[in-house]
Amino acid sequence: MYYLFREHHLTPGGYYGLPEGEKVLLRAFFLYDMEQRKKR
């Protein structure tokens, strides 16, 4: 949640209001971003 707020200005209410499919997509993007940051 902190990551979404800090990096993308998405509040908890905004996240929890999303359809489940969009939450899954955001989680996948988060994991990808973390992997890319480790490589740098």
N, C-alpha and C. Protein backbone atom coordinates (compact mmCIF):
# COMPACT_ATOMS: atom_id res chain seq x y z
N MET A 1 0.83 -1.18 0.00
CA MET A 1 0.00 0.00 0.00
C MET A 1 0.88 1.26 0.00
N TYR A 2 1.92 1.25 0.81
CA TYR A 2 2.82 2.40 0.87
C TYR A 2 3.42 2.68 -0.50
N TYR A 3 3.84 1.62 -1.18
CA TYR A 3 4.44 1.76 -2.51
C TYR A 3 3.46 2.45 -3.47
N LEU A 4 2.23 2.01 -3.48
CA LEU A 4 1.24 2.61 -4.40
C LEU A 4 1.01 4.08 -4.08
N PHE A 5 0.95 4.40 -2.79
CA PHE A 5 0.73 5.79 -2.42
C PHE A 5 1.95 6.65 -2.76
N ARG A 6 3.12 6.16 -2.40
CA ARG A 6 4.35 6.95 -2.60
C ARG A 6 4.70 7.12 -4.07
N GLU A 7 4.65 6.03 -4.82
CA GLU A 7 5.10 6.06 -6.20
C GLU A 7 4.01 6.46 -7.20
N HIS A 8 2.76 6.19 -6.87
CA HIS A 8 1.69 6.40 -7.85
C HIS A 8 0.53 7.22 -7.33
N HIS A 9 0.64 7.71 -6.10
CA HIS A 9 -0.38 8.57 -5.50
C HIS A 9 -1.76 7.92 -5.49
N LEU A 10 -1.78 6.61 -5.27
CA LEU A 10 -3.03 5.86 -5.19
C LEU A 10 -3.33 5.61 -3.72
N THR A 11 -4.46 6.13 -3.25
CA THR A 11 -4.82 5.99 -1.84
C THR A 11 -5.36 4.59 -1.57
N PRO A 12 -5.38 4.19 -0.30
CA PRO A 12 -5.93 2.87 0.03
C PRO A 12 -7.37 2.72 -0.45
N GLY A 13 -8.18 3.76 -0.30
CA GLY A 13 -9.56 3.70 -0.77
C GLY A 13 -9.65 3.52 -2.27
N GLY A 14 -8.73 4.15 -2.99
CA GLY A 14 -8.70 3.99 -4.44
C GLY A 14 -8.33 2.58 -4.84
N TYR A 15 -7.39 1.99 -4.10
CA TYR A 15 -6.97 0.62 -4.39
C TYR A 15 -8.09 -0.37 -4.09
N TYR A 16 -8.65 -0.26 -2.89
CA TYR A 16 -9.68 -1.24 -2.49
C TYR A 16 -10.96 -1.10 -3.30
N GLY A 17 -11.15 0.04 -3.94
CA GLY A 17 -12.32 0.23 -4.78
C GLY A 17 -12.17 -0.34 -6.18
N LEU A 18 -10.98 -0.79 -6.53
CA LEU A 18 -10.74 -1.34 -7.86
C LEU A 18 -11.33 -2.74 -8.00
N PRO A 19 -11.69 -3.12 -9.21
CA PRO A 19 -12.11 -4.50 -9.46
C PRO A 19 -10.94 -5.45 -9.18
N GLU A 20 -11.23 -6.68 -8.84
CA GLU A 20 -10.20 -7.65 -8.48
C GLU A 20 -9.16 -7.84 -9.59
N GLY A 21 -9.59 -7.83 -10.84
CA GLY A 21 -8.65 -8.00 -11.95
C GLY A 21 -7.61 -6.90 -12.01
N GLU A 22 -8.01 -5.68 -11.70
CA GLU A 22 -7.05 -4.58 -11.71
C GLU A 22 -6.08 -4.68 -10.53
N LYS A 23 -6.56 -5.18 -9.40
CA LYS A 23 -5.67 -5.39 -8.26
C LYS A 23 -4.61 -6.43 -8.59
N VAL A 24 -5.02 -7.49 -9.26
CA VAL A 24 -4.07 -8.53 -9.67
C VAL A 24 -3.01 -7.94 -10.60
N LEU A 25 -3.44 -7.11 -11.54
CA LEU A 25 -2.52 -6.48 -12.47
C LEU A 25 -1.54 -5.55 -11.73
N LEU A 26 -2.04 -4.77 -10.79
CA LEU A 26 -1.16 -3.89 -10.02
C LEU A 26 -0.13 -4.69 -9.23
N ARG A 27 -0.55 -5.81 -8.65
CA ARG A 27 0.39 -6.66 -7.92
C ARG A 27 1.47 -7.20 -8.84
N ALA A 28 1.10 -7.60 -10.04
CA ALA A 28 2.07 -8.10 -11.01
C ALA A 28 3.06 -7.01 -11.41
N PHE A 29 2.56 -5.80 -11.64
CA PHE A 29 3.43 -4.68 -11.97
C PHE A 29 4.38 -4.36 -10.81
N PHE A 30 3.86 -4.44 -9.58
CA PHE A 30 4.68 -4.19 -8.40
C PHE A 30 5.83 -5.19 -8.33
N LEU A 31 5.52 -6.47 -8.49
CA LEU A 31 6.56 -7.50 -8.43
C LEU A 31 7.60 -7.30 -9.53
N TYR A 32 7.15 -6.95 -10.71
CA TYR A 32 8.07 -6.70 -11.82
C TYR A 32 8.98 -5.51 -11.49
N ASP A 33 8.39 -4.45 -10.96
CA ASP A 33 9.17 -3.26 -10.62
C ASP A 33 10.21 -3.58 -9.55
N MET A 34 9.84 -4.37 -8.56
CA MET A 34 10.80 -4.73 -7.50
C MET A 34 11.96 -5.57 -8.07
N GLU A 35 11.66 -6.47 -9.00
CA GLU A 35 12.71 -7.27 -9.63
C GLU A 35 13.67 -6.38 -10.41
N GLN A 36 13.13 -5.41 -11.13
CA GLN A 36 13.96 -4.50 -11.92
C GLN A 36 14.83 -3.63 -11.01
N ARG A 37 14.31 -3.22 -9.89
CA ARG A 37 15.08 -2.40 -8.96
C ARG A 37 16.24 -3.20 -8.36
N LYS A 38 16.02 -4.49 -8.10
CA LYS A 38 17.09 -5.33 -7.56
C LYS A 38 18.24 -5.47 -8.56
N LYS A 39 17.90 -5.49 -9.84
CA LYS A 39 18.92 -5.66 -10.88
C LYS A 39 19.78 -4.42 -11.05
N ARG A 40 19.26 -3.27 -10.67
CA ARG A 40 20.01 -2.01 -10.82
C ARG A 40 21.03 -1.81 -9.75
